[in-house]
Amino acid sequence: GSLRLSCAPSGSIFSIYAMGWYRQAPGKQRELVARFTR
């Protein structure tokens, strides 16, 4: 199947230069999924 995740920023948005998605499965370390670089 498919899902679409959204991330809504607020506050000092002007300071953001990169954003991305990470995930953490049970018993595992948080890992990069996908990101926009600077």
All heavy atoms as atom14 arrays in JSON, in Angstrom:
{
  "sequence": "GSLRLSCAPSGSIFSIYAMGWYRQAPGKQRELVARFTR",
  "atom14_mask": [
    [1, 1, 1, 1, 0, 0, 0, 0, 0, 0, 0, 0, 0, 0],
    [1, 1, 1, 1, 1, 1, 0, 0, 0, 0, 0, 0, 0, 0],
    [1, 1, 1, 1, 1, 1, 1, 1, 0, 0, 0, 0, 0, 0],
    [1, 1, 1, 1, 1, 1, 1, 1, 1, 1, 1, 0, 0, 0],
    [1, 1, 1, 1, 1, 1, 1, 1, 0, 0, 0, 0, 0, 0],
    [1, 1, 1, 1, 1, 1, 0, 0, 0, 0, 0, 0, 0, 0],
    [1, 1, 1, 1, 1, 1, 0, 0, 0, 0, 0, 0, 0, 0],
    [1, 1, 1, 1, 1, 0, 0, 0, 0, 0, 0, 0, 0, 0],
    [1, 1, 1, 1, 1, 1, 1, 0, 0, 0, 0, 0, 0, 0],
    [1, 1, 1, 1, 1, 1, 0, 0, 0, 0, 0, 0, 0, 0],
    [1, 1, 1, 1, 0, 0, 0, 0, 0, 0, 0, 0, 0, 0],
    [1, 1, 1, 1, 1, 1, 0, 0, 0, 0, 0, 0, 0, 0],
    [1, 1, 1, 1, 1, 1, 1, 1, 0, 0, 0, 0, 0, 0],
    [1, 1, 1, 1, 1, 1, 1, 1, 1, 1, 1, 0, 0, 0],
    [1, 1, 1, 1, 1, 1, 0, 0, 0, 0, 0, 0, 0, 0],
    [1, 1, 1, 1, 1, 1, 1, 1, 0, 0, 0, 0, 0, 0],
    [1, 1, 1, 1, 1, 1, 1, 1, 1, 1, 1, 1, 0, 0],
    [1, 1, 1, 1, 1, 0, 0, 0, 0, 0, 0, 0, 0, 0],
    [1, 1, 1, 1, 1, 1, 1, 1, 0, 0, 0, 0, 0, 0],
    [1, 1, 1, 1, 0, 0, 0, 0, 0, 0, 0, 0, 0, 0],
    [1, 1, 1, 1, 1, 1, 1, 1, 1, 1, 1, 1, 1, 1],
    [1, 1, 1, 1, 1, 1, 1, 1, 1, 1, 1, 1, 0, 0],
    [1, 1, 1, 1, 1, 1, 1, 1, 1, 1, 1, 0, 0, 0],
    [1, 1, 1, 1, 1, 1, 1, 1, 1, 0, 0, 0, 0, 0],
    [1, 1, 1, 1, 1, 0, 0, 0, 0, 0, 0, 0, 0, 0],
    [1, 1, 1, 1, 1, 1, 1, 0, 0, 0, 0, 0, 0, 0],
    [1, 1, 1, 1, 0, 0, 0, 0, 0, 0, 0, 0, 0, 0],
    [1, 1, 1, 1, 1, 1, 1, 1, 1, 0, 0, 0, 0, 0],
    [1, 1, 1, 1, 1, 1, 1, 1, 1, 0, 0, 0, 0, 0],
    [1, 1, 1, 1, 1, 1, 1, 1, 1, 1, 1, 0, 0, 0],
    [1, 1, 1, 1, 1, 1, 1, 1, 1, 0, 0, 0, 0, 0],
    [1, 1, 1, 1, 1, 1, 1, 1, 0, 0, 0, 0, 0, 0],
    [1, 1, 1, 1, 1, 1, 1, 0, 0, 0, 0, 0, 0, 0],
    [1, 1, 1, 1, 1, 0, 0, 0, 0, 0, 0, 0, 0, 0],
    [1, 1, 1, 1, 1, 1, 1, 1, 1, 1, 1, 0, 0, 0],
    [1, 1, 1, 1, 1, 1, 1, 1, 1, 1, 1, 0, 0, 0],
    [1, 1, 1, 1, 1, 1, 1, 0, 0, 0, 0, 0, 0, 0],
    [1, 1, 1, 1, 1, 1, 1, 1, 1, 1, 1, 0, 0, 0]
  ],
  "atom14_positions": [
    [[0.8, -1.21, 0.0], [0.0, 0.0, 0.0], [0.84, 1.27, 0.0], [2.08, 1.22, -0.07], [0.0, 0.0, 0.0], [0.0, 0.0, 0.0], [0.0, 0.0, 0.0], [0.0, 0.0, 0.0], [0.0, 0.0, 0.0], [0.0, 0.0, 0.0], [0.0, 0.0, 0.0], [0.0, 0.0, 0.0], [0.0, 0.0, 0.0], [0.0, 0.0, 0.0]],
    [[0.14, 2.4, 0.08], [0.79, 3.71, 0.03], [0.31, 4.6, 1.16], [-0.81, 4.45, 1.66], [0.49, 4.38, -1.31], [0.96, 3.62, -2.4], [0.0, 0.0, 0.0], [0.0, 0.0, 0.0], [0.0, 0.0, 0.0], [0.0, 0.0, 0.0], [0.0, 0.0, 0.0], [0.0, 0.0, 0.0], [0.0, 0.0, 0.0], [0.0, 0.0, 0.0]],
    [[1.17, 5.52, 1.54], [0.83, 6.56, 2.5], [1.59, 7.83, 2.12], [2.67, 7.75, 1.51], [1.22, 6.19, 3.94], [0.32, 5.26, 4.74], [0.97, 4.94, 6.08], [-1.05, 5.86, 4.94], [0.0, 0.0, 0.0], [0.0, 0.0, 0.0], [0.0, 0.0, 0.0], [0.0, 0.0, 0.0], [0.0, 0.0, 0.0], [0.0, 0.0, 0.0]],
    [[1.02, 8.96, 2.51], [1.7, 10.24, 2.29], [1.82, 10.96, 3.63], [0.8, 11.26, 4.26], [0.93, 11.1, 1.3], [1.65, 12.4, 0.92], [0.84, 13.14, -0.12], [1.54, 14.29, -0.68], [1.13, 15.54, -0.55], [0.02, 15.81, 0.14], [1.81, 16.53, -1.11], [0.0, 0.0, 0.0], [0.0, 0.0, 0.0], [0.0, 0.0, 0.0]],
    [[3.05, 11.19, 4.03], [3.31, 11.91, 5.27], [3.53, 13.39, 4.98], [4.08, 13.75, 3.93], [4.54, 11.35, 5.98], [4.55, 9.85, 6.27], [5.82, 9.49, 7.05], [3.31, 9.42, 7.01], [0.0, 0.0, 0.0], [0.0, 0.0, 0.0], [0.0, 0.0, 0.0], [0.0, 0.0, 0.0], [0.0, 0.0, 0.0], [0.0, 0.0, 0.0]],
    [[3.1, 14.21, 5.93], [3.3, 15.65, 5.83], [4.02, 16.17, 7.05], [3.81, 15.66, 8.16], [1.95, 16.38, 5.69], [1.26, 15.97, 4.54], [0.0, 0.0, 0.0], [0.0, 0.0, 0.0], [0.0, 0.0, 0.0], [0.0, 0.0, 0.0], [0.0, 0.0, 0.0], [0.0, 0.0, 0.0], [0.0, 0.0, 0.0], [0.0, 0.0, 0.0]],
    [[4.82, 17.19, 6.86], [5.51, 17.85, 7.98], [5.27, 19.34, 7.84], [5.66, 19.95, 6.83], [7.0, 17.55, 7.94], [7.95, 18.47, 9.17], [0.0, 0.0, 0.0], [0.0, 0.0, 0.0], [0.0, 0.0, 0.0], [0.0, 0.0, 0.0], [0.0, 0.0, 0.0], [0.0, 0.0, 0.0], [0.0, 0.0, 0.0], [0.0, 0.0, 0.0]],
    [[4.64, 19.92, 8.84], [4.3, 21.34, 8.83], [5.2, 22.09, 9.8], [5.11, 21.87, 11.01], [2.84, 21.53, 9.21], [0.0, 0.0, 0.0], [0.0, 0.0, 0.0], [0.0, 0.0, 0.0], [0.0, 0.0, 0.0], [0.0, 0.0, 0.0], [0.0, 0.0, 0.0], [0.0, 0.0, 0.0], [0.0, 0.0, 0.0], [0.0, 0.0, 0.0]],
    [[6.04, 22.98, 9.29], [6.89, 23.77, 10.17], [6.21, 25.06, 10.58], [5.37, 25.6, 9.86], [8.11, 24.06, 9.3], [7.55, 24.15, 7.92], [6.38, 23.2, 7.88], [0.0, 0.0, 0.0], [0.0, 0.0, 0.0], [0.0, 0.0, 0.0], [0.0, 0.0, 0.0], [0.0, 0.0, 0.0], [0.0, 0.0, 0.0], [0.0, 0.0, 0.0]],
    [[6.6, 25.56, 11.74], [6.14, 26.87, 12.2], [7.22, 27.48, 13.08], [8.16, 26.81, 13.48], [4.82, 26.76, 12.97], [4.96, 25.96, 14.12], [0.0, 0.0, 0.0], [0.0, 0.0, 0.0], [0.0, 0.0, 0.0], [0.0, 0.0, 0.0], [0.0, 0.0, 0.0], [0.0, 0.0, 0.0], [0.0, 0.0, 0.0], [0.0, 0.0, 0.0]],
    [[7.07, 28.75, 13.37], [8.08, 29.44, 14.17], [9.1, 30.12, 13.27], [8.74, 30.75, 12.28], [0.0, 0.0, 0.0], [0.0, 0.0, 0.0], [0.0, 0.0, 0.0], [0.0, 0.0, 0.0], [0.0, 0.0, 0.0], [0.0, 0.0, 0.0], [0.0, 0.0, 0.0], [0.0, 0.0, 0.0], [0.0, 0.0, 0.0], [0.0, 0.0, 0.0]],
    [[10.34, 29.97, 13.58], [11.43, 30.63, 12.85], [11.76, 29.89, 11.56], [12.89, 29.42, 11.36], [12.66, 30.75, 13.74], [12.36, 31.49, 14.91], [0.0, 0.0, 0.0], [0.0, 0.0, 0.0], [0.0, 0.0, 0.0], [0.0, 0.0, 0.0], [0.0, 0.0, 0.0], [0.0, 0.0, 0.0], [0.0, 0.0, 0.0], [0.0, 0.0, 0.0]],
    [[10.78, 29.82, 10.68], [10.93, 29.05, 9.45], [12.07, 29.6, 8.59], [12.76, 28.85, 7.89], [9.62, 29.04, 8.66], [8.51, 28.34, 9.47], [9.78, 28.36, 7.32], [7.16, 28.4, 8.81], [0.0, 0.0, 0.0], [0.0, 0.0, 0.0], [0.0, 0.0, 0.0], [0.0, 0.0, 0.0], [0.0, 0.0, 0.0], [0.0, 0.0, 0.0]],
    [[12.3, 30.89, 8.68], [13.34, 31.52, 7.86], [14.72, 30.92, 8.13], [15.62, 30.99, 7.31], [13.38, 33.02, 8.15], [13.77, 33.35, 9.57], [15.1, 33.52, 9.92], [12.81, 33.46, 10.57], [15.46, 33.8, 11.22], [13.16, 33.74, 11.88], [14.49, 33.9, 12.21], [0.0, 0.0, 0.0], [0.0, 0.0, 0.0], [0.0, 0.0, 0.0]],
    [[14.89, 30.32, 9.32], [16.2, 29.79, 9.7], [16.47, 28.39, 9.15], [17.57, 27.88, 9.25], [16.33, 29.76, 11.23], [15.49, 28.78, 11.79], [0.0, 0.0, 0.0], [0.0, 0.0, 0.0], [0.0, 0.0, 0.0], [0.0, 0.0, 0.0], [0.0, 0.0, 0.0], [0.0, 0.0, 0.0], [0.0, 0.0, 0.0], [0.0, 0.0, 0.0]],
    [[15.44, 27.77, 8.59], [15.58, 26.39, 8.12], [16.31, 26.35, 6.78], [15.94, 27.06, 5.86], [14.21, 25.71, 7.96], [13.48, 25.64, 9.31], [14.35, 24.32, 7.36], [12.06, 25.14, 9.19], [0.0, 0.0, 0.0], [0.0, 0.0, 0.0], [0.0, 0.0, 0.0], [0.0, 0.0, 0.0], [0.0, 0.0, 0.0], [0.0, 0.0, 0.0]],
    [[17.35, 25.52, 6.68], [18.03, 25.37, 5.39], [18.0, 23.94, 4.86], [18.39, 23.69, 3.73], [19.47, 25.88, 5.47], [20.37, 25.11, 6.43], [20.92, 23.89, 6.07], [20.67, 25.63, 7.68], [21.74, 23.2, 6.93], [21.49, 24.96, 8.55], [22.04, 23.74, 8.18], [22.86, 23.07, 9.04], [0.0, 0.0, 0.0], [0.0, 0.0, 0.0]],
    [[17.56, 23.01, 5.65], [17.45, 21.63, 5.18], [16.39, 20.92, 6.01], [16.26, 21.17, 7.21], [18.78, 20.89, 5.28], [0.0, 0.0, 0.0], [0.0, 0.0, 0.0], [0.0, 0.0, 0.0], [0.0, 0.0, 0.0], [0.0, 0.0, 0.0], [0.0, 0.0, 0.0], [0.0, 0.0, 0.0], [0.0, 0.0, 0.0], [0.0, 0.0, 0.0]],
    [[15.66, 20.02, 5.36], [14.64, 19.25, 6.07], [14.62, 17.83, 5.54], [14.99, 17.58, 4.39], [13.26, 19.88, 5.9], [13.09, 21.21, 6.6], [11.42, 21.86, 6.46], [10.51, 20.74, 7.54], [0.0, 0.0, 0.0], [0.0, 0.0, 0.0], [0.0, 0.0, 0.0], [0.0, 0.0, 0.0], [0.0, 0.0, 0.0], [0.0, 0.0, 0.0]],
    [[14.15, 16.94, 6.38], [14.09, 15.56, 5.93], [13.28, 14.68, 6.83], [12.73, 15.13, 7.85], [0.0, 0.0, 0.0], [0.0, 0.0, 0.0], [0.0, 0.0, 0.0], [0.0, 0.0, 0.0], [0.0, 0.0, 0.0], [0.0, 0.0, 0.0], [0.0, 0.0, 0.0], [0.0, 0.0, 0.0], [0.0, 0.0, 0.0], [0.0, 0.0, 0.0]],
    [[13.2, 13.42, 6.46], [12.47, 12.4, 7.19], [13.42, 11.33, 7.7], [14.31, 10.88, 6.97], [11.42, 11.75, 6.28], [10.28, 12.65, 5.94], [10.14, 13.43, 4.83], [9.11, 12.87, 6.73], [8.96, 14.12, 4.88], [8.3, 13.79, 6.04], [8.66, 12.38, 7.95], [7.08, 14.23, 6.53], [7.43, 12.81, 8.44], [6.65, 13.73, 7.73]],
    [[13.2, 10.95, 8.92], [13.93, 9.88, 9.57], [12.92, 8.91, 10.17], [11.75, 9.26, 10.33], [14.84, 10.44, 10.66], [15.95, 11.3, 10.12], [15.69, 12.56, 9.6], [17.27, 10.85, 10.1], [16.7, 13.35, 9.08], [18.3, 11.63, 9.59], [18.01, 12.88, 9.08], [19.01, 13.64, 8.56], [0.0, 0.0, 0.0], [0.0, 0.0, 0.0]],
    [[13.37, 7.72, 10.5], [12.46, 6.76, 11.12], [13.19, 5.94, 12.17], [14.41, 5.77, 12.1], [11.82, 5.85, 10.08], [12.78, 4.88, 9.4], [12.05, 4.12, 8.3], [12.94, 3.18, 7.61], [12.62, 2.5, 6.53], [11.4, 2.65, 5.98], [13.48, 1.67, 5.98], [0.0, 0.0, 0.0], [0.0, 0.0, 0.0], [0.0, 0.0, 0.0]],
    [[12.41, 5.44, 13.11], [12.96, 4.58, 14.15], [12.01, 3.42, 14.38], [10.87, 3.62, 14.81], [13.18, 5.37, 15.44], [13.92, 4.58, 16.5], [14.43, 5.46, 17.63], [13.99, 6.61, 17.8], [15.37, 4.95, 18.39], [0.0, 0.0, 0.0], [0.0, 0.0, 0.0], [0.0, 0.0, 0.0], [0.0, 0.0, 0.0], [0.0, 0.0, 0.0]],
    [[12.5, 2.26, 14.1], [11.73, 1.04, 14.34], [12.01, 0.54, 15.75], [13.06, 0.87, 16.33], [12.12, -0.02, 13.31], [0.0, 0.0, 0.0], [0.0, 0.0, 0.0], [0.0, 0.0, 0.0], [0.0, 0.0, 0.0], [0.0, 0.0, 0.0], [0.0, 0.0, 0.0], [0.0, 0.0, 0.0], [0.0, 0.0, 0.0], [0.0, 0.0, 0.0]],
    [[11.12, -0.26, 16.31], [11.33, -0.77, 17.67], [12.67, -1.48, 17.8], [13.0, -2.35, 16.99], [10.16, -1.73, 17.87], [9.1, -1.22, 16.96], [9.82, -0.68, 15.76], [0.0, 0.0, 0.0], [0.0, 0.0, 0.0], [0.0, 0.0, 0.0], [0.0, 0.0, 0.0], [0.0, 0.0, 0.0], [0.0, 0.0, 0.0], [0.0, 0.0, 0.0]],
    [[13.44, -1.1, 18.8], [14.71, -1.75, 19.06], [15.84, -1.36, 18.13], [16.93, -1.94, 18.2], [0.0, 0.0, 0.0], [0.0, 0.0, 0.0], [0.0, 0.0, 0.0], [0.0, 0.0, 0.0], [0.0, 0.0, 0.0], [0.0, 0.0, 0.0], [0.0, 0.0, 0.0], [0.0, 0.0, 0.0], [0.0, 0.0, 0.0], [0.0, 0.0, 0.0]],
    [[15.58, -0.37, 17.26], [16.61, 0.04, 16.31], [16.93, 1.53, 16.47], [16.16, 2.28, 17.07], [16.16, -0.25, 14.89], [16.01, -1.73, 14.59], [15.73, -1.96, 13.11], [15.66, -3.44, 12.79], [15.43, -3.68, 11.34], [0.0, 0.0, 0.0], [0.0, 0.0, 0.0], [0.0, 0.0, 0.0], [0.0, 0.0, 0.0], [0.0, 0.0, 0.0]],
    [[18.05, 1.91, 15.9], [18.42, 3.32, 15.94], [17.65, 4.12, 14.9], [17.19, 3.57, 13.89], [19.93, 3.47, 15.68], [20.8, 2.95, 16.82], [22.27, 3.29, 16.61], [22.74, 3.42, 15.48], [23.0, 3.44, 17.69], [0.0, 0.0, 0.0], [0.0, 0.0, 0.0], [0.0, 0.0, 0.0], [0.0, 0.0, 0.0], [0.0, 0.0, 0.0]],
    [[17.52, 5.39, 15.16], [16.88, 6.28, 14.19], [17.78, 6.37, 12.95], [19.0, 6.46, 13.06], [16.66, 7.67, 14.79], [15.73, 8.55, 14.01], [15.4, 9.82, 14.76], [14.68, 9.54, 16.01], [14.17, 10.49, 16.8], [14.29, 11.78, 16.45], [13.55, 10.15, 17.91], [0.0, 0.0, 0.0], [0.0, 0.0, 0.0], [0.0, 0.0, 0.0]],
    [[17.13, 6.33, 11.78], [17.89, 6.34, 10.53], [17.29, 7.31, 9.53], [16.09, 7.61, 9.57], [17.92, 4.93, 9.92], [16.55, 4.41, 9.52], [16.6, 3.04, 8.86], [17.7, 2.45, 8.75], [15.53, 2.56, 8.42], [0.0, 0.0, 0.0], [0.0, 0.0, 0.0], [0.0, 0.0, 0.0], [0.0, 0.0, 0.0], [0.0, 0.0, 0.0]],
    [[18.14, 7.76, 8.63], [17.68, 8.63, 7.56], [16.77, 7.86, 6.61], [17.09, 6.74, 6.23], [18.87, 9.19, 6.79], [18.56, 9.91, 5.49], [17.88, 11.25, 5.78], [19.82, 10.11, 4.66], [0.0, 0.0, 0.0], [0.0, 0.0, 0.0], [0.0, 0.0, 0.0], [0.0, 0.0, 0.0], [0.0, 0.0, 0.0], [0.0, 0.0, 0.0]],
    [[15.68, 8.5, 6.2], [14.83, 7.96, 5.15], [15.06, 8.76, 3.87], [15.42, 8.21, 2.83], [13.35, 8.02, 5.54], [12.47, 7.5, 4.4], [13.09, 7.21, 6.81], [0.0, 0.0, 0.0], [0.0, 0.0, 0.0], [0.0, 0.0, 0.0], [0.0, 0.0, 0.0], [0.0, 0.0, 0.0], [0.0, 0.0, 0.0], [0.0, 0.0, 0.0]],
    [[14.86, 10.06, 3.96], [15.04, 10.94, 2.8], [15.18, 12.36, 3.3], [14.56, 12.72, 4.3], [13.86, 10.83, 1.85], [0.0, 0.0, 0.0], [0.0, 0.0, 0.0], [0.0, 0.0, 0.0], [0.0, 0.0, 0.0], [0.0, 0.0, 0.0], [0.0, 0.0, 0.0], [0.0, 0.0, 0.0], [0.0, 0.0, 0.0], [0.0, 0.0, 0.0]],
    [[15.98, 13.14, 2.59], [16.16, 14.52, 3.02], [16.51, 15.42, 1.85], [17.03, 14.95, 0.84], [17.25, 14.6, 4.09], [18.63, 14.29, 3.58], [19.65, 14.26, 4.71], [19.99, 15.6, 5.18], [21.09, 16.26, 4.8], [21.92, 15.74, 3.94], [21.33, 17.47, 5.28], [0.0, 0.0, 0.0], [0.0, 0.0, 0.0], [0.0, 0.0, 0.0]],
    [[16.2, 16.68, 2.02], [16.71, 17.72, 1.15], [17.96, 18.28, 1.81], [17.97, 18.62, 2.98], [15.69, 18.86, 1.0], [14.55, 18.54, 0.08], [13.31, 18.19, 0.58], [14.72, 18.56, -1.3], [12.25, 17.9, -0.26], [13.67, 18.27, -2.15], [12.44, 17.94, -1.63], [0.0, 0.0, 0.0], [0.0, 0.0, 0.0], [0.0, 0.0, 0.0]],
    [[19.03, 18.38, 1.03], [20.26, 18.95, 1.55], [20.2, 20.48, 1.44], [19.25, 21.05, 0.9], [21.47, 18.43, 0.78], [21.37, 18.9, -0.57], [21.51, 16.92, 0.77], [0.0, 0.0, 0.0], [0.0, 0.0, 0.0], [0.0, 0.0, 0.0], [0.0, 0.0, 0.0], [0.0, 0.0, 0.0], [0.0, 0.0, 0.0], [0.0, 0.0, 0.0]],
    [[21.25, 21.1, 1.94], [21.27, 22.56, 1.93], [21.22, 23.14, 0.53], [20.64, 24.21, 0.3], [22.53, 23.05, 2.66], [22.56, 24.54, 2.9], [23.6, 24.89, 3.93], [23.43, 26.26, 4.43], [23.95, 26.69, 5.55], [24.68, 25.91, 6.31], [23.76, 27.95, 5.93], [0.0, 0.0, 0.0], [0.0, 0.0, 0.0], [0.0, 0.0, 0.0]]
  ]
}
